[in-house]
């Protein structure tokens, strides 16, 4: 953790795991992933368990499952609501968010930009 390449390596690893898993089982109709956060649509809880177990067996990682509540689910910072034949999304701000923003120039100190 902490390396700028961490996200790249984690994403690559999960892509390799997915390739193996979906050679063994059928990929859900809706399957979205960002690093290790996965959003799927299914009507059967058994499908979730099969996918979870296959991902765990293939990767050695531990996955947890969260089910939607009244057709709504948080995925990353997005609130996804299921309507009859489609989904709607909106930005979700967590109650613990203090509303602070990083100063735009704080990412790279000027002393490094001036170094030749």
C-alpha atoms as a PDB file:
ATOM      1  CA  UNK A   1       0.000   0.000   0.000  1.00  0.00           C
ATOM      2  CA  UNK A   2       1.103   3.544  -0.593  1.00  0.00           C
ATOM      3  CA  UNK A   3       2.788   2.940  -3.927  1.00  0.00           C
ATOM      4  CA  UNK A   4       1.382   4.889  -6.883  1.00  0.00           C
ATOM      5  CA  UNK A   5       1.433   1.556  -8.734  1.00  0.00           C
ATOM      6  CA  UNK A   6      -0.678  -0.197  -6.071  1.00  0.00           C
ATOM      7  CA  UNK A   7      -3.996   0.454  -7.814  1.00  0.00           C
ATOM      8  CA  UNK A   8      -2.549  -0.672 -11.162  1.00  0.00           C
ATOM      9  CA  UNK A   9      -1.187  -3.917  -9.700  1.00  0.00           C
ATOM     10  CA  UNK A  10      -4.398  -4.668  -7.788  1.00  0.00           C
ATOM     11  CA  UNK A  11      -6.512  -4.029 -10.880  1.00  0.00           C
ATOM     12  CA  UNK A  12      -4.257  -6.229 -13.024  1.00  0.00           C
ATOM     13  CA  UNK A  13      -4.367  -9.026 -10.434  1.00  0.00           C
ATOM     14  CA  UNK A  14      -8.153  -8.921 -10.214  1.00  0.00           C
ATOM     15  CA  UNK A  15      -8.405  -8.932 -14.029  1.00  0.00           C
ATOM     16  CA  UNK A  16      -6.354 -12.144 -14.115  1.00  0.00           C
ATOM     17  CA  UNK A  17      -8.536 -13.663 -11.387  1.00  0.00           C
ATOM     18  CA  UNK A  18     -11.717 -12.733 -13.276  1.00  0.00           C
ATOM     19  CA  UNK A  19     -10.432 -14.360 -16.436  1.00  0.00           C
ATOM     20  CA  UNK A  20      -9.899 -17.642 -14.580  1.00  0.00           C
ATOM     21  CA  UNK A  21     -13.209 -17.430 -12.712  1.00  0.00           C
ATOM     22  CA  UNK A  22     -15.308 -16.701 -15.806  1.00  0.00           C
ATOM     23  CA  UNK A  23     -13.755 -19.648 -17.600  1.00  0.00           C
ATOM     24  CA  UNK A  24     -15.308 -21.784 -14.835  1.00  0.00           C
ATOM     25  CA  UNK A  25     -18.663 -20.073 -14.252  1.00  0.00           C
ATOM     26  CA  UNK A  26     -21.002 -17.827 -16.218  1.00  0.00           C
ATOM     27  CA  UNK A  27     -20.434 -14.099 -15.844  1.00  0.00           C
ATOM     28  CA  UNK A  28     -23.460 -12.239 -14.407  1.00  0.00           C
ATOM     29  CA  UNK A  29     -25.425 -10.109 -16.877  1.00  0.00           C
ATOM     30  CA  UNK A  30     -24.377  -6.965 -14.992  1.00  0.00           C
ATOM     31  CA  UNK A  31     -20.868  -7.137 -13.557  1.00  0.00           C
ATOM     32  CA  UNK A  32     -18.978  -3.959 -12.613  1.00  0.00           C
ATOM     33  CA  UNK A  33     -15.727  -3.848 -10.695  1.00  0.00           C
ATOM     34  CA  UNK A  34     -13.341  -1.205  -9.386  1.00  0.00           C
ATOM     35  CA  UNK A  35     -10.288  -2.844  -7.841  1.00  0.00           C
ATOM     36  CA  UNK A  36     -11.955  -5.301  -5.415  1.00  0.00           C
ATOM     37  CA  UNK A  37     -15.410  -3.678  -5.176  1.00  0.00           C
ATOM     38  CA  UNK A  38     -17.816  -5.630  -7.364  1.00  0.00           C
ATOM     39  CA  UNK A  39     -21.401  -4.788  -8.309  1.00  0.00           C
ATOM     40  CA  UNK A  40     -23.571  -7.506  -9.859  1.00  0.00           C
ATOM     41  CA  UNK A  41     -27.237  -7.989 -10.589  1.00  0.00           C
ATOM     42  CA  UNK A  42     -28.763 -11.363  -9.890  1.00  0.00           C
ATOM     43  CA  UNK A  43     -32.114 -12.743  -8.825  1.00  0.00           C
ATOM     44  CA  UNK A  44     -30.616 -15.718  -7.019  1.00  0.00           C
ATOM     45  CA  UNK A  45     -28.564 -15.624  -3.810  1.00  0.00           C
ATOM     46  CA  UNK A  46     -27.017 -18.945  -4.827  1.00  0.00           C
ATOM     47  CA  UNK A  47     -25.363 -17.206  -7.817  1.00  0.00           C
ATOM     48  CA  UNK A  48     -23.750 -14.733  -5.413  1.00  0.00           C
ATOM     49  CA  UNK A  49     -22.340 -17.505  -3.238  1.00  0.00           C
ATOM     50  CA  UNK A  50     -20.989 -19.408  -6.248  1.00  0.00           C
ATOM     51  CA  UNK A  51     -19.248 -16.269  -7.561  1.00  0.00           C
ATOM     52  CA  UNK A  52     -17.926 -15.320  -4.113  1.00  0.00           C
ATOM     53  CA  UNK A  53     -16.548 -18.803  -3.431  1.00  0.00           C
ATOM     54  CA  UNK A  54     -14.983 -19.064  -6.876  1.00  0.00           C
ATOM     55  CA  UNK A  55     -13.308 -15.644  -6.502  1.00  0.00           C
ATOM     56  CA  UNK A  56     -12.003 -16.607  -3.058  1.00  0.00           C
ATOM     57  CA  UNK A  57     -10.755 -20.027  -4.140  1.00  0.00           C
ATOM     58  CA  UNK A  58      -8.979 -18.585  -7.178  1.00  0.00           C
ATOM     59  CA  UNK A  59      -7.497 -15.483  -5.538  1.00  0.00           C
ATOM     60  CA  UNK A  60      -6.881 -16.419  -1.927  1.00  0.00           C
ATOM     61  CA  UNK A  61      -8.668 -13.194  -0.942  1.00  0.00           C
ATOM     62  CA  UNK A  62     -11.715 -12.895   1.320  1.00  0.00           C
ATOM     63  CA  UNK A  63     -14.836 -11.267  -0.129  1.00  0.00           C
ATOM     64  CA  UNK A  64     -17.901 -10.009   1.696  1.00  0.00           C
ATOM     65  CA  UNK A  65     -21.415  -9.581   0.309  1.00  0.00           C
ATOM     66  CA  UNK A  66     -23.843  -6.718   0.769  1.00  0.00           C
ATOM     67  CA  UNK A  67     -27.374  -6.990  -0.577  1.00  0.00           C
ATOM     68  CA  UNK A  68     -29.524  -4.138  -1.786  1.00  0.00           C
ATOM     69  CA  UNK A  69     -32.117  -2.721   0.574  1.00  0.00           C
ATOM     70  CA  UNK A  70     -35.424  -1.829  -1.049  1.00  0.00           C
ATOM     71  CA  UNK A  71     -33.757  -1.752  -4.469  1.00  0.00           C
ATOM     72  CA  UNK A  72     -30.954   0.623  -3.401  1.00  0.00           C
ATOM     73  CA  UNK A  73     -27.257  -0.015  -2.877  1.00  0.00           C
ATOM     74  CA  UNK A  74     -24.121   2.031  -2.383  1.00  0.00           C
ATOM     75  CA  UNK A  75     -21.300   1.223  -4.791  1.00  0.00           C
ATOM     76  CA  UNK A  76     -18.195   3.283  -4.118  1.00  0.00           C
ATOM     77  CA  UNK A  77     -19.635   6.799  -3.673  1.00  0.00           C
ATOM     78  CA  UNK A  78     -22.626   6.192  -5.923  1.00  0.00           C
ATOM     79  CA  UNK A  79     -26.162   5.390  -4.784  1.00  0.00           C
ATOM     80  CA  UNK A  80     -27.615   2.939  -7.286  1.00  0.00           C
ATOM     81  CA  UNK A  81     -31.398   2.548  -7.320  1.00  0.00           C
ATOM     82  CA  UNK A  82     -33.111  -0.187  -9.288  1.00  0.00           C
ATOM     83  CA  UNK A  83     -36.306   0.776 -11.059  1.00  0.00           C
ATOM     84  CA  UNK A  84     -38.474  -1.725 -12.933  1.00  0.00           C
ATOM     85  CA  UNK A  85     -36.336  -1.961 -16.064  1.00  0.00           C
ATOM     86  CA  UNK A  86     -33.353   0.315 -15.399  1.00  0.00           C
ATOM     87  CA  UNK A  87     -31.050   1.804 -12.766  1.00  0.00           C
ATOM     88  CA  UNK A  88     -30.644   5.394 -11.638  1.00  0.00           C
ATOM     89  CA  UNK A  89     -27.540   6.750  -9.972  1.00  0.00           C
ATOM     90  CA  UNK A  90     -26.676   9.721  -7.816  1.00  0.00           C
ATOM     91  CA  UNK A  91     -23.603  10.861  -5.920  1.00  0.00           C
ATOM     92  CA  UNK A  92     -23.653   9.727  -2.309  1.00  0.00           C
ATOM     93  CA  UNK A  93     -21.913  11.836   0.330  1.00  0.00           C
ATOM     94  CA  UNK A  94     -21.256   9.898   3.498  1.00  0.00           C
ATOM     95  CA  UNK A  95     -22.493  11.480   6.749  1.00  0.00           C
ATOM     96  CA  UNK A  96     -18.907  11.452   8.056  1.00  0.00           C
ATOM     97  CA  UNK A  97     -17.649  13.590   5.143  1.00  0.00           C
ATOM     98  CA  UNK A  98     -16.381  16.900   6.592  1.00  0.00           C
ATOM     99  CA  UNK A  99     -16.657  18.610   3.193  1.00  0.00           C
ATOM    100  CA  UNK A 100     -12.958  19.488   2.990  1.00  0.00           C
ATOM    101  CA  UNK A 101     -11.213  19.631  -0.369  1.00  0.00           C
ATOM    102  CA  UNK A 102      -7.514  19.366  -1.120  1.00  0.00           C
ATOM    103  CA  UNK A 103      -5.844  22.474  -2.414  1.00  0.00           C
ATOM    104  CA  UNK A 104      -5.220  21.927  -6.131  1.00  0.00           C
ATOM    105  CA  UNK A 105      -1.502  22.654  -5.957  1.00  0.00           C
ATOM    106  CA  UNK A 106      -0.895  20.528  -2.870  1.00  0.00           C
ATOM    107  CA  UNK A 107      -0.412  17.296  -4.799  1.00  0.00           C
ATOM    108  CA  UNK A 108       3.094  18.191  -6.009  1.00  0.00           C
ATOM    109  CA  UNK A 109       5.094  20.748  -4.044  1.00  0.00           C
ATOM    110  CA  UNK A 110       6.504  23.571  -6.150  1.00  0.00           C
ATOM    111  CA  UNK A 111      10.102  22.782  -5.055  1.00  0.00           C
ATOM    112  CA  UNK A 112       9.908  19.513  -7.035  1.00  0.00           C
ATOM    113  CA  UNK A 113       8.466  21.185 -10.101  1.00  0.00           C
ATOM    114  CA  UNK A 114      11.343  23.688 -10.178  1.00  0.00           C
ATOM    115  CA  UNK A 115      14.030  21.001  -9.852  1.00  0.00           C
ATOM    116  CA  UNK A 116      15.800  20.265 -13.162  1.00  0.00           C
END
